[in-house]
Amino acid sequence: SYRPEGSRADLMTQEKFRSAFEAQKARLREMDIRVVEEVDPNRQAL
């Protein structure tokens, strides 16, 4: 949402949402990560 109600800032004022956000960051920390080098920005995008 790009209106004040439901915006990022508004969602972060809600305890339920803040808790979910923290839980999702914790979830990401447990995911498998793989990386490959690509220095050229055009090739990166493609």
All heavy atoms as atom14 arrays in JSON, in Angstrom:
{
  "sequence": "SYRPEGSRADLMTQEKFRSAFEAQKARLREMDIRVVEEVDPNRQAL",
  "atom14_mask": [
    [1, 1, 1, 1, 1, 1, 0, 0, 0, 0, 0, 0, 0, 0],
    [1, 1, 1, 1, 1, 1, 1, 1, 1, 1, 1, 1, 0, 0],
    [1, 1, 1, 1, 1, 1, 1, 1, 1, 1, 1, 0, 0, 0],
    [1, 1, 1, 1, 1, 1, 1, 0, 0, 0, 0, 0, 0, 0],
    [1, 1, 1, 1, 1, 1, 1, 1, 1, 0, 0, 0, 0, 0],
    [1, 1, 1, 1, 0, 0, 0, 0, 0, 0, 0, 0, 0, 0],
    [1, 1, 1, 1, 1, 1, 0, 0, 0, 0, 0, 0, 0, 0],
    [1, 1, 1, 1, 1, 1, 1, 1, 1, 1, 1, 0, 0, 0],
    [1, 1, 1, 1, 1, 0, 0, 0, 0, 0, 0, 0, 0, 0],
    [1, 1, 1, 1, 1, 1, 1, 1, 0, 0, 0, 0, 0, 0],
    [1, 1, 1, 1, 1, 1, 1, 1, 0, 0, 0, 0, 0, 0],
    [1, 1, 1, 1, 1, 1, 1, 1, 0, 0, 0, 0, 0, 0],
    [1, 1, 1, 1, 1, 1, 1, 0, 0, 0, 0, 0, 0, 0],
    [1, 1, 1, 1, 1, 1, 1, 1, 1, 0, 0, 0, 0, 0],
    [1, 1, 1, 1, 1, 1, 1, 1, 1, 0, 0, 0, 0, 0],
    [1, 1, 1, 1, 1, 1, 1, 1, 1, 0, 0, 0, 0, 0],
    [1, 1, 1, 1, 1, 1, 1, 1, 1, 1, 1, 0, 0, 0],
    [1, 1, 1, 1, 1, 1, 1, 1, 1, 1, 1, 0, 0, 0],
    [1, 1, 1, 1, 1, 1, 0, 0, 0, 0, 0, 0, 0, 0],
    [1, 1, 1, 1, 1, 0, 0, 0, 0, 0, 0, 0, 0, 0],
    [1, 1, 1, 1, 1, 1, 1, 1, 1, 1, 1, 0, 0, 0],
    [1, 1, 1, 1, 1, 1, 1, 1, 1, 0, 0, 0, 0, 0],
    [1, 1, 1, 1, 1, 0, 0, 0, 0, 0, 0, 0, 0, 0],
    [1, 1, 1, 1, 1, 1, 1, 1, 1, 0, 0, 0, 0, 0],
    [1, 1, 1, 1, 1, 1, 1, 1, 1, 0, 0, 0, 0, 0],
    [1, 1, 1, 1, 1, 0, 0, 0, 0, 0, 0, 0, 0, 0],
    [1, 1, 1, 1, 1, 1, 1, 1, 1, 1, 1, 0, 0, 0],
    [1, 1, 1, 1, 1, 1, 1, 1, 0, 0, 0, 0, 0, 0],
    [1, 1, 1, 1, 1, 1, 1, 1, 1, 1, 1, 0, 0, 0],
    [1, 1, 1, 1, 1, 1, 1, 1, 1, 0, 0, 0, 0, 0],
    [1, 1, 1, 1, 1, 1, 1, 1, 0, 0, 0, 0, 0, 0],
    [1, 1, 1, 1, 1, 1, 1, 1, 0, 0, 0, 0, 0, 0],
    [1, 1, 1, 1, 1, 1, 1, 1, 0, 0, 0, 0, 0, 0],
    [1, 1, 1, 1, 1, 1, 1, 1, 1, 1, 1, 0, 0, 0],
    [1, 1, 1, 1, 1, 1, 1, 0, 0, 0, 0, 0, 0, 0],
    [1, 1, 1, 1, 1, 1, 1, 0, 0, 0, 0, 0, 0, 0],
    [1, 1, 1, 1, 1, 1, 1, 1, 1, 0, 0, 0, 0, 0],
    [1, 1, 1, 1, 1, 1, 1, 1, 1, 0, 0, 0, 0, 0],
    [1, 1, 1, 1, 1, 1, 1, 0, 0, 0, 0, 0, 0, 0],
    [1, 1, 1, 1, 1, 1, 1, 1, 0, 0, 0, 0, 0, 0],
    [1, 1, 1, 1, 1, 1, 1, 0, 0, 0, 0, 0, 0, 0],
    [1, 1, 1, 1, 1, 1, 1, 1, 0, 0, 0, 0, 0, 0],
    [1, 1, 1, 1, 1, 1, 1, 1, 1, 1, 1, 0, 0, 0],
    [1, 1, 1, 1, 1, 1, 1, 1, 1, 0, 0, 0, 0, 0],
    [1, 1, 1, 1, 1, 0, 0, 0, 0, 0, 0, 0, 0, 0],
    [1, 1, 1, 1, 1, 1, 1, 1, 0, 0, 0, 0, 0, 0]
  ],
  "atom14_positions": [
    [[0.85, -1.19, 0.0], [0.0, 0.0, 0.0], [0.88, 1.23, 0.0], [1.9, 1.29, 0.69], [-0.88, 0.02, 1.25], [-1.58, 1.25, 1.32], [0.0, 0.0, 0.0], [0.0, 0.0, 0.0], [0.0, 0.0, 0.0], [0.0, 0.0, 0.0], [0.0, 0.0, 0.0], [0.0, 0.0, 0.0], [0.0, 0.0, 0.0], [0.0, 0.0, 0.0]],
    [[0.5, 2.2, -0.77], [1.26, 3.44, -0.83], [0.49, 4.59, -0.16], [0.85, 5.73, -0.3], [1.62, 3.76, -2.29], [2.49, 2.66, -2.86], [1.94, 1.65, -3.64], [3.83, 2.59, -2.55], [2.72, 0.61, -4.12], [4.63, 1.56, -3.02], [4.07, 0.58, -3.82], [4.84, -0.44, -4.28], [0.0, 0.0, 0.0], [0.0, 0.0, 0.0]],
    [[-0.54, 4.23, 0.57], [-1.27, 5.19, 1.39], [-0.75, 5.07, 2.81], [-0.16, 4.04, 3.18], [-2.76, 4.87, 1.37], [-3.39, 5.07, 0.01], [-4.87, 4.88, 0.12], [-5.27, 3.99, -0.96], [-6.49, 3.58, -1.15], [-7.43, 3.91, -0.32], [-6.77, 2.81, -2.16], [0.0, 0.0, 0.0], [0.0, 0.0, 0.0], [0.0, 0.0, 0.0]],
    [[-0.99, 6.06, 3.64], [-0.5, 5.97, 5.03], [-1.0, 4.71, 5.74], [-0.23, 4.03, 6.39], [-1.04, 7.24, 5.68], [-1.16, 8.21, 4.56], [-1.57, 7.38, 3.36], [0.0, 0.0, 0.0], [0.0, 0.0, 0.0], [0.0, 0.0, 0.0], [0.0, 0.0, 0.0], [0.0, 0.0, 0.0], [0.0, 0.0, 0.0], [0.0, 0.0, 0.0]],
    [[-2.29, 4.39, 5.59], [-2.83, 3.18, 6.22], [-2.4, 1.97, 5.41], [-2.63, 1.9, 4.21], [-4.36, 3.23, 6.29], [-4.94, 2.05, 7.02], [-6.46, 2.13, 7.11], [-6.96, 3.2, 7.47], [-7.1, 1.12, 6.83], [0.0, 0.0, 0.0], [0.0, 0.0, 0.0], [0.0, 0.0, 0.0], [0.0, 0.0, 0.0], [0.0, 0.0, 0.0]],
    [[-1.71, 1.05, 6.05], [-1.22, -0.13, 5.38], [0.16, 0.03, 4.75], [0.67, -0.89, 4.13], [0.0, 0.0, 0.0], [0.0, 0.0, 0.0], [0.0, 0.0, 0.0], [0.0, 0.0, 0.0], [0.0, 0.0, 0.0], [0.0, 0.0, 0.0], [0.0, 0.0, 0.0], [0.0, 0.0, 0.0], [0.0, 0.0, 0.0], [0.0, 0.0, 0.0]],
    [[0.75, 1.21, 4.93], [2.09, 1.45, 4.39], [3.12, 0.64, 5.19], [2.82, 0.09, 6.26], [2.44, 2.93, 4.47], [2.58, 3.32, 5.83], [0.0, 0.0, 0.0], [0.0, 0.0, 0.0], [0.0, 0.0, 0.0], [0.0, 0.0, 0.0], [0.0, 0.0, 0.0], [0.0, 0.0, 0.0], [0.0, 0.0, 0.0], [0.0, 0.0, 0.0]],
    [[4.35, 0.61, 4.73], [5.42, -0.07, 5.46], [5.52, 0.47, 6.88], [5.59, -0.29, 7.82], [6.75, 0.11, 4.74], [6.91, -0.74, 3.52], [8.25, -0.43, 2.83], [8.51, -1.42, 1.83], [9.34, -2.44, 1.98], [10.04, -2.57, 3.07], [9.51, -3.32, 1.02], [0.0, 0.0, 0.0], [0.0, 0.0, 0.0], [0.0, 0.0, 0.0]],
    [[5.57, 1.79, 6.98], [5.7, 2.41, 8.31], [4.52, 2.05, 9.2], [4.7, 1.75, 10.38], [5.83, 3.92, 8.16], [0.0, 0.0, 0.0], [0.0, 0.0, 0.0], [0.0, 0.0, 0.0], [0.0, 0.0, 0.0], [0.0, 0.0, 0.0], [0.0, 0.0, 0.0], [0.0, 0.0, 0.0], [0.0, 0.0, 0.0], [0.0, 0.0, 0.0]],
    [[3.32, 2.07, 8.64], [2.13, 1.74, 9.42], [2.16, 0.27, 9.87], [1.89, -0.02, 11.03], [0.86, 1.99, 8.59], [-0.41, 1.64, 9.34], [-0.58, 2.12, 10.48], [-1.23, 0.87, 8.79], [0.0, 0.0, 0.0], [0.0, 0.0, 0.0], [0.0, 0.0, 0.0], [0.0, 0.0, 0.0], [0.0, 0.0, 0.0], [0.0, 0.0, 0.0]],
    [[2.51, -0.63, 8.96], [2.58, -2.05, 9.33], [3.59, -2.28, 10.45], [3.36, -3.09, 11.35], [2.92, -2.9, 8.11], [1.82, -3.02, 7.06], [2.35, -3.72, 5.81], [0.6, -3.75, 7.61], [0.0, 0.0, 0.0], [0.0, 0.0, 0.0], [0.0, 0.0, 0.0], [0.0, 0.0, 0.0], [0.0, 0.0, 0.0], [0.0, 0.0, 0.0]],
    [[4.69, -1.55, 10.42], [5.72, -1.74, 11.44], [5.3, -1.2, 12.81], [5.95, -1.51, 13.8], [7.04, -1.12, 10.99], [7.69, -1.85, 9.83], [7.99, -3.62, 10.11], [9.26, -3.54, 11.37], [0.0, 0.0, 0.0], [0.0, 0.0, 0.0], [0.0, 0.0, 0.0], [0.0, 0.0, 0.0], [0.0, 0.0, 0.0], [0.0, 0.0, 0.0]],
    [[4.21, -0.45, 12.89], [3.7, -0.01, 14.19], [2.83, -1.08, 14.84], [2.49, -0.96, 16.02], [2.87, 1.29, 14.07], [1.69, 1.02, 13.32], [3.68, 2.42, 13.44], [0.0, 0.0, 0.0], [0.0, 0.0, 0.0], [0.0, 0.0, 0.0], [0.0, 0.0, 0.0], [0.0, 0.0, 0.0], [0.0, 0.0, 0.0], [0.0, 0.0, 0.0]],
    [[2.47, -2.11, 14.07], [1.58, -3.16, 14.56], [2.4, -4.32, 15.13], [3.23, -4.89, 14.43], [0.68, -3.65, 13.43], [-0.17, -2.55, 12.82], [-0.87, -2.99, 11.55], [-1.08, -4.18, 11.33], [-1.24, -2.03, 10.73], [0.0, 0.0, 0.0], [0.0, 0.0, 0.0], [0.0, 0.0, 0.0], [0.0, 0.0, 0.0], [0.0, 0.0, 0.0]],
    [[2.16, -4.64, 16.38], [2.94, -5.67, 17.07], [2.91, -7.0, 16.32], [3.94, -7.66, 16.17], [2.44, -5.86, 18.5], [3.18, -6.92, 19.28], [4.68, -6.68, 19.39], [5.1, -5.51, 19.51], [5.45, -7.66, 19.34], [0.0, 0.0, 0.0], [0.0, 0.0, 0.0], [0.0, 0.0, 0.0], [0.0, 0.0, 0.0], [0.0, 0.0, 0.0]],
    [[1.74, -7.41, 15.86], [1.62, -8.68, 15.14], [2.52, -8.68, 13.9], [3.21, -9.66, 13.62], [0.16, -8.93, 14.74], [-0.04, -10.2, 13.95], [-1.49, -10.37, 13.54], [-1.63, -11.57, 12.62], [-2.95, -11.72, 12.06], [0.0, 0.0, 0.0], [0.0, 0.0, 0.0], [0.0, 0.0, 0.0], [0.0, 0.0, 0.0], [0.0, 0.0, 0.0]],
    [[2.51, -7.56, 13.18], [3.32, -7.5, 11.97], [4.81, -7.45, 12.3], [5.62, -8.14, 11.67], [2.94, -6.3, 11.1], [3.6, -6.35, 9.76], [3.0, -7.04, 8.72], [4.84, -5.78, 9.54], [3.63, -7.15, 7.48], [5.47, -5.88, 8.31], [4.86, -6.57, 7.28], [0.0, 0.0, 0.0], [0.0, 0.0, 0.0], [0.0, 0.0, 0.0]],
    [[5.19, -6.66, 13.29], [6.61, -6.6, 13.69], [7.12, -7.97, 14.09], [8.23, -8.35, 13.73], [6.81, -5.61, 14.86], [7.02, -4.18, 14.42], [7.58, -3.3, 15.52], [7.06, -3.54, 16.86], [5.97, -2.99, 17.37], [5.27, -2.13, 16.67], [5.58, -3.27, 18.61], [0.0, 0.0, 0.0], [0.0, 0.0, 0.0], [0.0, 0.0, 0.0]],
    [[6.31, -8.71, 14.82], [6.69, -10.07, 15.23], [6.86, -10.97, 14.0], [7.81, -11.76, 13.93], [5.66, -10.67, 16.17], [5.64, -9.96, 17.38], [0.0, 0.0, 0.0], [0.0, 0.0, 0.0], [0.0, 0.0, 0.0], [0.0, 0.0, 0.0], [0.0, 0.0, 0.0], [0.0, 0.0, 0.0], [0.0, 0.0, 0.0], [0.0, 0.0, 0.0]],
    [[5.95, -10.86, 13.07], [6.04, -11.65, 11.84], [7.29, -11.28, 11.04], [7.97, -12.15, 10.49], [4.79, -11.46, 10.99], [0.0, 0.0, 0.0], [0.0, 0.0, 0.0], [0.0, 0.0, 0.0], [0.0, 0.0, 0.0], [0.0, 0.0, 0.0], [0.0, 0.0, 0.0], [0.0, 0.0, 0.0], [0.0, 0.0, 0.0], [0.0, 0.0, 0.0]],
    [[7.6, -10.0, 11.0], [8.79, -9.53, 10.28], [10.06, -10.11, 10.91], [10.93, -10.63, 10.21], [8.81, -8.0, 10.29], [10.03, -7.39, 9.64], [10.3, -7.58, 8.3], [10.89, -6.59, 10.4], [11.43, -7.01, 7.71], [12.0, -6.01, 9.81], [12.28, -6.22, 8.48], [0.0, 0.0, 0.0], [0.0, 0.0, 0.0], [0.0, 0.0, 0.0]],
    [[10.14, -10.07, 12.23], [11.3, -10.64, 12.93], [11.38, -12.15, 12.68], [12.47, -12.69, 12.48], [11.24, -10.33, 14.42], [11.39, -8.85, 14.74], [12.65, -8.2, 14.19], [13.71, -8.86, 14.18], [12.58, -7.05, 13.74], [0.0, 0.0, 0.0], [0.0, 0.0, 0.0], [0.0, 0.0, 0.0], [0.0, 0.0, 0.0], [0.0, 0.0, 0.0]],
    [[10.24, -12.81, 12.69], [10.21, -14.26, 12.44], [10.69, -14.59, 11.03], [11.38, -15.58, 10.81], [8.8, -14.81, 12.68], [0.0, 0.0, 0.0], [0.0, 0.0, 0.0], [0.0, 0.0, 0.0], [0.0, 0.0, 0.0], [0.0, 0.0, 0.0], [0.0, 0.0, 0.0], [0.0, 0.0, 0.0], [0.0, 0.0, 0.0], [0.0, 0.0, 0.0]],
    [[10.32, -13.74, 10.08], [10.73, -13.99, 8.7], [12.23, -13.74, 8.5], [12.89, -14.46, 7.74], [9.9, -13.16, 7.72], [8.43, -13.54, 7.69], [8.2, -15.02, 7.45], [8.86, -15.65, 6.64], [7.25, -15.61, 8.18], [0.0, 0.0, 0.0], [0.0, 0.0, 0.0], [0.0, 0.0, 0.0], [0.0, 0.0, 0.0], [0.0, 0.0, 0.0]],
    [[12.79, -12.76, 9.19], [14.25, -12.58, 9.12], [14.95, -13.8, 9.71], [15.95, -14.26, 9.15], [14.68, -11.3, 9.85], [14.31, -10.03, 9.09], [14.99, -8.8, 9.66], [14.54, -8.5, 11.06], [15.16, -7.28, 11.62], [0.0, 0.0, 0.0], [0.0, 0.0, 0.0], [0.0, 0.0, 0.0], [0.0, 0.0, 0.0], [0.0, 0.0, 0.0]],
    [[14.41, -14.34, 10.8], [14.97, -15.56, 11.38], [14.84, -16.73, 10.4], [15.75, -17.55, 10.26], [14.27, -15.89, 12.7], [0.0, 0.0, 0.0], [0.0, 0.0, 0.0], [0.0, 0.0, 0.0], [0.0, 0.0, 0.0], [0.0, 0.0, 0.0], [0.0, 0.0, 0.0], [0.0, 0.0, 0.0], [0.0, 0.0, 0.0], [0.0, 0.0, 0.0]],
    [[13.72, -16.8, 9.72], [13.52, -17.84, 8.7], [14.57, -17.73, 7.6], [15.14, -18.74, 7.17], [12.11, -17.69, 8.12], [11.76, -18.66, 7.03], [10.35, -18.39, 6.52], [10.06, -19.19, 5.35], [9.02, -18.96, 4.56], [8.16, -17.97, 4.81], [8.83, -19.72, 3.49], [0.0, 0.0, 0.0], [0.0, 0.0, 0.0], [0.0, 0.0, 0.0]],
    [[14.83, -16.52, 7.14], [15.84, -16.31, 6.1], [17.22, -16.76, 6.56], [18.0, -17.3, 5.76], [15.89, -14.84, 5.68], [14.69, -14.31, 4.9], [14.85, -12.82, 4.64], [14.51, -15.06, 3.6], [0.0, 0.0, 0.0], [0.0, 0.0, 0.0], [0.0, 0.0, 0.0], [0.0, 0.0, 0.0], [0.0, 0.0, 0.0], [0.0, 0.0, 0.0]],
    [[17.52, -16.56, 7.82], [18.83, -16.96, 8.35], [19.02, -18.48, 8.29], [20.16, -18.95, 8.3], [19.0, -16.45, 9.78], [19.18, -14.94, 9.86], [19.63, -14.48, 11.22], [18.62, -14.59, 12.25], [17.7, -13.65, 12.53], [17.65, -12.53, 11.83], [16.83, -13.84, 13.5], [0.0, 0.0, 0.0], [0.0, 0.0, 0.0], [0.0, 0.0, 0.0]],
    [[17.94, -19.23, 8.21], [18.01, -20.69, 8.14], [17.96, -21.23, 6.72], [18.12, -22.43, 6.5], [16.9, -21.31, 8.97], [17.01, -21.0, 10.45], [18.35, -21.43, 11.03], [18.81, -22.55, 10.71], [18.97, -20.63, 11.77], [0.0, 0.0, 0.0], [0.0, 0.0, 0.0], [0.0, 0.0, 0.0], [0.0, 0.0, 0.0], [0.0, 0.0, 0.0]],
    [[17.74, -20.36, 5.74], [17.66, -20.82, 4.35], [19.04, -21.12, 3.81], [20.05, -20.6, 4.27], [16.99, -19.75, 3.48], [15.52, -19.59, 3.74], [14.79, -18.4, 2.59], [13.12, -18.34, 3.23], [0.0, 0.0, 0.0], [0.0, 0.0, 0.0], [0.0, 0.0, 0.0], [0.0, 0.0, 0.0], [0.0, 0.0, 0.0], [0.0, 0.0, 0.0]],
    [[19.07, -21.98, 2.79], [20.3, -22.24, 2.06], [20.57, -21.06, 1.14], [19.64, -20.54, 0.49], [20.17, -23.52, 1.23], [20.19, -24.77, 2.07], [20.78, -24.74, 3.18], [19.63, -25.8, 1.62], [0.0, 0.0, 0.0], [0.0, 0.0, 0.0], [0.0, 0.0, 0.0], [0.0, 0.0, 0.0], [0.0, 0.0, 0.0], [0.0, 0.0, 0.0]],
    [[21.83, -20.69, 1.07], [22.27, -19.58, 0.22], [23.28, -20.13, -0.78], [24.19, -20.87, -0.41], [22.93, -18.47, 1.05], [21.97, -17.94, 2.12], [23.42, -17.34, 0.15], [22.64, -17.05, 3.17], [0.0, 0.0, 0.0], [0.0, 0.0, 0.0], [0.0, 0.0, 0.0], [0.0, 0.0, 0.0], [0.0, 0.0, 0.0], [0.0, 0.0, 0.0]],
    [[23.11, -19.75, -2.02], [24.09, -20.06, -3.07], [24.43, -18.76, -3.77], [23.57, -17.89, -3.9], [23.52, -21.06, -4.09], [23.34, -22.45, -3.56], [22.72, -23.34, -4.65], [22.6, -24.71, -4.21], [21.61, -25.17, -3.45], [20.66, -24.38, -3.04], [21.59, -26.44, -3.1], [0.0, 0.0, 0.0], [0.0, 0.0, 0.0], [0.0, 0.0, 0.0]],
    [[25.66, -18.65, -4.23], [26.09, -17.43, -4.92], [26.92, -17.79, -6.14], [27.55, -18.84, -6.19], [26.9, -16.5, -3.99], [26.06, -16.03, -2.82], [28.16, -17.17, -3.5], [0.0, 0.0, 0.0], [0.0, 0.0, 0.0], [0.0, 0.0, 0.0], [0.0, 0.0, 0.0], [0.0, 0.0, 0.0], [0.0, 0.0, 0.0], [0.0, 0.0, 0.0]],
    [[26.9, -16.89, -7.11], [27.77, -17.02, -8.28], [28.19, -15.6, -8.68], [27.4, -14.65, -8.59], [27.08, -17.76, -9.45], [25.94, -16.96, -10.05], [28.08, -18.14, -10.52], [0.0, 0.0, 0.0], [0.0, 0.0, 0.0], [0.0, 0.0, 0.0], [0.0, 0.0, 0.0], [0.0, 0.0, 0.0], [0.0, 0.0, 0.0], [0.0, 0.0, 0.0]],
    [[29.43, -15.48, -9.08], [29.96, -14.18, -9.46], [29.46, -13.75, -10.84], [29.41, -14.55, -11.77], [31.49, -14.21, -9.48], [32.1, -12.85, -9.81], [33.61, -12.86, -9.71], [34.24, -13.84, -10.18], [34.16, -11.9, -9.15], [0.0, 0.0, 0.0], [0.0, 0.0, 0.0], [0.0, 0.0, 0.0], [0.0, 0.0, 0.0], [0.0, 0.0, 0.0]],
    [[29.11, -12.49, -10.93], [28.83, -11.83, -12.21], [29.06, -10.34, -12.0], [28.3, -9.69, -11.29], [27.41, -12.1, -12.69], [27.1, -11.43, -14.03], [28.15, -11.7, -15.11], [28.23, -12.84, -15.59], [28.91, -10.76, -15.44], [0.0, 0.0, 0.0], [0.0, 0.0, 0.0], [0.0, 0.0, 0.0], [0.0, 0.0, 0.0], [0.0, 0.0, 0.0]],
    [[30.12, -9.83, -12.58], [30.5, -8.44, -12.32], [29.8, -7.45, -13.24], [29.59, -6.29, -12.86], [32.04, -8.24, -12.38], [32.73, -9.05, -11.3], [32.59, -8.59, -13.75], [0.0, 0.0, 0.0], [0.0, 0.0, 0.0], [0.0, 0.0, 0.0], [0.0, 0.0, 0.0], [0.0, 0.0, 0.0], [0.0, 0.0, 0.0], [0.0, 0.0, 0.0]],
    [[29.45, -7.87, -14.42], [28.81, -6.97, -15.39], [27.35, -6.73, -15.01], [26.58, -7.69, -14.87], [28.9, -7.57, -16.79], [28.31, -6.67, -17.84], [27.08, -6.79, -18.08], [29.06, -5.86, -18.41], [0.0, 0.0, 0.0], [0.0, 0.0, 0.0], [0.0, 0.0, 0.0], [0.0, 0.0, 0.0], [0.0, 0.0, 0.0], [0.0, 0.0, 0.0]],
    [[26.93, -5.48, -14.83], [25.54, -5.22, -14.39], [24.48, -5.69, -15.38], [23.4, -6.11, -14.96], [25.48, -3.71, -14.19], [26.69, -3.16, -14.87], [27.7, -4.24, -14.97], [0.0, 0.0, 0.0], [0.0, 0.0, 0.0], [0.0, 0.0, 0.0], [0.0, 0.0, 0.0], [0.0, 0.0, 0.0], [0.0, 0.0, 0.0], [0.0, 0.0, 0.0]],
    [[24.76, -5.63, -16.67], [23.79, -6.12, -17.65], [23.64, -7.63, -17.54], [22.53, -8.17, -17.57], [24.2, -5.72, -19.06], [24.09, -4.23, -19.29], [23.17, -3.59, -18.81], [25.06, -3.68, -20.0], [0.0, 0.0, 0.0], [0.0, 0.0, 0.0], [0.0, 0.0, 0.0], [0.0, 0.0, 0.0], [0.0, 0.0, 0.0], [0.0, 0.0, 0.0]],
    [[24.76, -8.32, -17.41], [24.7, -9.78, -17.26], [24.05, -10.15, -15.94], [23.33, -11.16, -15.85], [26.09, -10.38, -17.36], [26.61, -10.44, -18.77], [27.87, -11.28, -18.86], [28.28, -11.41, -20.24], [29.41, -10.92, -20.72], [30.25, -10.29, -19.93], [29.71, -11.08, -21.98], [0.0, 0.0, 0.0], [0.0, 0.0, 0.0], [0.0, 0.0, 0.0]],
    [[24.3, -9.37, -14.9], [23.63, -9.62, -13.61], [22.11, -9.59, -13.78], [21.41, -10.48, -13.31], [24.0, -8.56, -12.58], [25.19, -8.84, -11.76], [25.37, -7.76, -10.7], [24.42, -7.04, -10.35], [26.57, -7.66, -10.17], [0.0, 0.0, 0.0], [0.0, 0.0, 0.0], [0.0, 0.0, 0.0], [0.0, 0.0, 0.0], [0.0, 0.0, 0.0]],
    [[21.62, -8.54, -14.43], [20.18, -8.39, -14.61], [19.6, -9.55, -15.41], [18.57, -10.12, -15.05], [19.86, -7.05, -15.28], [0.0, 0.0, 0.0], [0.0, 0.0, 0.0], [0.0, 0.0, 0.0], [0.0, 0.0, 0.0], [0.0, 0.0, 0.0], [0.0, 0.0, 0.0], [0.0, 0.0, 0.0], [0.0, 0.0, 0.0], [0.0, 0.0, 0.0]],
    [[20.27, -9.9, -16.5], [19.8, -11.01, -17.33], [19.86, -12.33, -16.57], [18.94, -13.14, -16.65], [20.63, -11.1, -18.61], [20.44, -9.96, -19.61], [21.51, -10.02, -20.7], [19.04, -10.0, -20.22], [0.0, 0.0, 0.0], [0.0, 0.0, 0.0], [0.0, 0.0, 0.0], [0.0, 0.0, 0.0], [0.0, 0.0, 0.0], [0.0, 0.0, 0.0]]
  ]
}
